[in-house]
Amino acid sequence: MKMITAVLKPFKLDEVREALSAIGVQGITVAEVKGFGRQKGHTELYRGAEYVIDFLPKVKIDVAVPDALVERAVEAIQASARTGKIGDGKIFVYDLEQVVRIRTGETGNEAL
């Protein structure tokens, strides 16, 4: 089992959710986050004053998937989140040692 964490632009969330649902991913966790990468933020003009926006709004999604679904999930996220512009985000994949469904006590892939 793997945990896939993706940080992406907020307006791409619905497209990513639909792409993951289409390949059989049953659930995701979403959090609104702020951060920056290579773009290092930007400046904005508000009421005549210039402000530096260091942290840009992003969306972080976490998806637990069985090993057989990892590559398809990563490809689905990448294809649906890409705009081709700086700040599209990142995808991280790491091992999940154990998963337990609280309600039933199921473990492993059955808990997903």
Protein backbone atom coordinates (compact mmCIF):
# COMPACT_ATOMS: atom_id res chain seq x y z
CA MET A 1 0.00 0.00 0.00
CA LYS A 2 1.13 3.53 -0.72
CA MET A 3 0.17 7.00 0.39
CA ILE A 4 0.10 9.58 -2.38
CA THR A 5 0.28 13.21 -1.31
CA ALA A 6 -0.18 15.89 -3.93
CA VAL A 7 0.06 19.66 -3.54
CA LEU A 8 -1.68 21.50 -6.36
CA LYS A 9 -3.49 24.63 -7.45
CA PRO A 10 -6.91 24.96 -5.76
CA PHE A 11 -8.91 25.34 -8.97
CA LYS A 12 -7.66 21.93 -10.16
CA LEU A 13 -9.15 20.01 -7.22
CA ASP A 14 -12.40 18.99 -8.93
CA GLU A 15 -10.58 17.74 -12.03
CA VAL A 16 -8.19 15.68 -9.90
CA ARG A 17 -11.04 14.23 -7.83
CA GLU A 18 -12.92 13.20 -10.98
CA ALA A 19 -9.79 11.65 -12.52
CA LEU A 20 -9.11 9.63 -9.37
CA SER A 21 -12.72 8.48 -9.14
CA ALA A 22 -12.58 7.35 -12.76
CA ILE A 23 -9.73 4.92 -12.02
CA GLY A 24 -11.38 3.49 -8.90
CA VAL A 25 -9.93 5.51 -6.03
CA GLN A 26 -12.61 5.47 -3.35
CA GLY A 27 -11.61 8.30 -1.05
CA ILE A 28 -9.31 11.27 -0.64
CA THR A 29 -8.49 13.70 2.14
CA VAL A 30 -8.22 17.37 1.24
CA ALA A 31 -6.64 20.25 3.16
CA GLU A 32 -6.20 23.89 2.24
CA VAL A 33 -2.54 24.81 2.71
CA LYS A 34 -0.16 27.64 1.86
CA GLY A 35 3.36 27.37 0.56
CA PHE A 36 5.84 28.20 -2.13
CA GLY A 37 8.36 26.46 -4.32
CA ARG A 38 10.56 27.84 -7.02
CA GLN A 39 8.18 30.72 -7.75
CA LYS A 40 8.89 32.24 -4.29
CA GLY A 41 5.53 34.00 -4.12
CA HIS A 42 4.65 37.20 -5.96
CA THR A 43 3.70 40.84 -5.43
CA GLU A 44 0.17 42.26 -5.61
CA LEU A 45 -1.19 45.78 -5.67
CA TYR A 46 -3.99 46.52 -3.18
CA ARG A 47 -5.42 50.03 -2.76
CA GLY A 48 -2.29 51.58 -4.15
CA ALA A 49 0.10 49.68 -1.90
CA GLU A 50 2.31 46.84 -3.06
CA TYR A 51 2.28 43.65 -0.98
CA VAL A 52 4.56 40.65 -1.20
CA ILE A 53 2.63 37.39 -1.06
CA ASP A 54 5.18 34.88 0.25
CA PHE A 55 2.88 31.90 0.69
CA LEU A 56 0.50 30.99 -2.11
CA PRO A 57 -2.78 29.13 -1.50
CA LYS A 58 -2.59 25.46 -2.46
CA VAL A 59 -4.62 22.30 -1.91
CA LYS A 60 -3.05 19.18 -0.43
CA ILE A 61 -4.66 15.83 -1.11
CA ASP A 62 -3.82 12.50 0.50
CA VAL A 63 -4.82 9.26 -1.19
CA ALA A 64 -4.15 5.76 0.17
CA VAL A 65 -4.06 3.20 -2.64
CA PRO A 66 -3.08 -0.44 -3.13
CA ASP A 67 0.27 -1.03 -4.86
CA ALA A 68 -1.44 -2.06 -8.10
CA LEU A 69 -3.10 1.36 -8.44
CA VAL A 70 -0.14 3.64 -7.65
CA GLU A 71 1.12 4.37 -11.18
CA ARG A 72 -2.39 4.97 -12.56
CA ALA A 73 -3.21 7.30 -9.65
CA VAL A 74 -0.01 9.31 -10.08
CA GLU A 75 -0.63 9.61 -13.84
CA ALA A 76 -4.24 10.68 -13.24
CA ILE A 77 -3.20 13.38 -10.76
CA GLN A 78 -0.41 14.61 -13.00
CA ALA A 79 -2.56 14.77 -16.13
CA SER A 80 -5.51 16.48 -14.44
CA ALA A 81 -3.51 18.97 -12.32
CA ARG A 82 -1.13 20.16 -15.03
CA THR A 83 -1.54 23.69 -16.41
CA GLY A 84 1.96 23.92 -17.87
CA LYS A 85 2.75 26.99 -15.80
CA ILE A 86 4.99 27.43 -12.79
CA GLY A 87 3.42 26.41 -9.49
CA ASP A 88 1.52 23.34 -10.72
CA GLY A 89 2.62 21.45 -7.61
CA LYS A 90 4.26 18.20 -6.58
CA ILE A 91 3.30 14.55 -6.03
CA PHE A 92 4.90 12.50 -3.25
CA VAL A 93 4.55 8.71 -2.93
CA TYR A 94 5.53 6.84 0.21
CA ASP A 95 4.97 3.46 1.83
CA LEU A 96 2.07 2.76 4.17
CA GLU A 97 2.93 0.19 6.79
CA GLN A 98 -0.55 -0.40 8.12
CA VAL A 99 -4.12 0.78 7.61
CA VAL A 100 -6.94 0.05 10.06
CA ARG A 101 -10.61 0.86 9.50
CA ILE A 102 -11.82 2.09 12.88
CA ARG A 103 -15.45 1.02 12.52
CA THR A 104 -14.87 -2.62 11.53
CA GLY A 105 -11.28 -3.31 12.54
CA GLU A 106 -10.36 -4.35 8.99
CA THR A 107 -6.67 -4.00 8.16
CA GLY A 108 -4.50 -3.72 5.06
CA ASN A 109 -6.05 -3.45 1.59
CA GLU A 110 -9.48 -4.37 2.99
CA ALA A 111 -9.41 -1.19 5.08
CA LEU A 112 -8.87 0.97 2.00
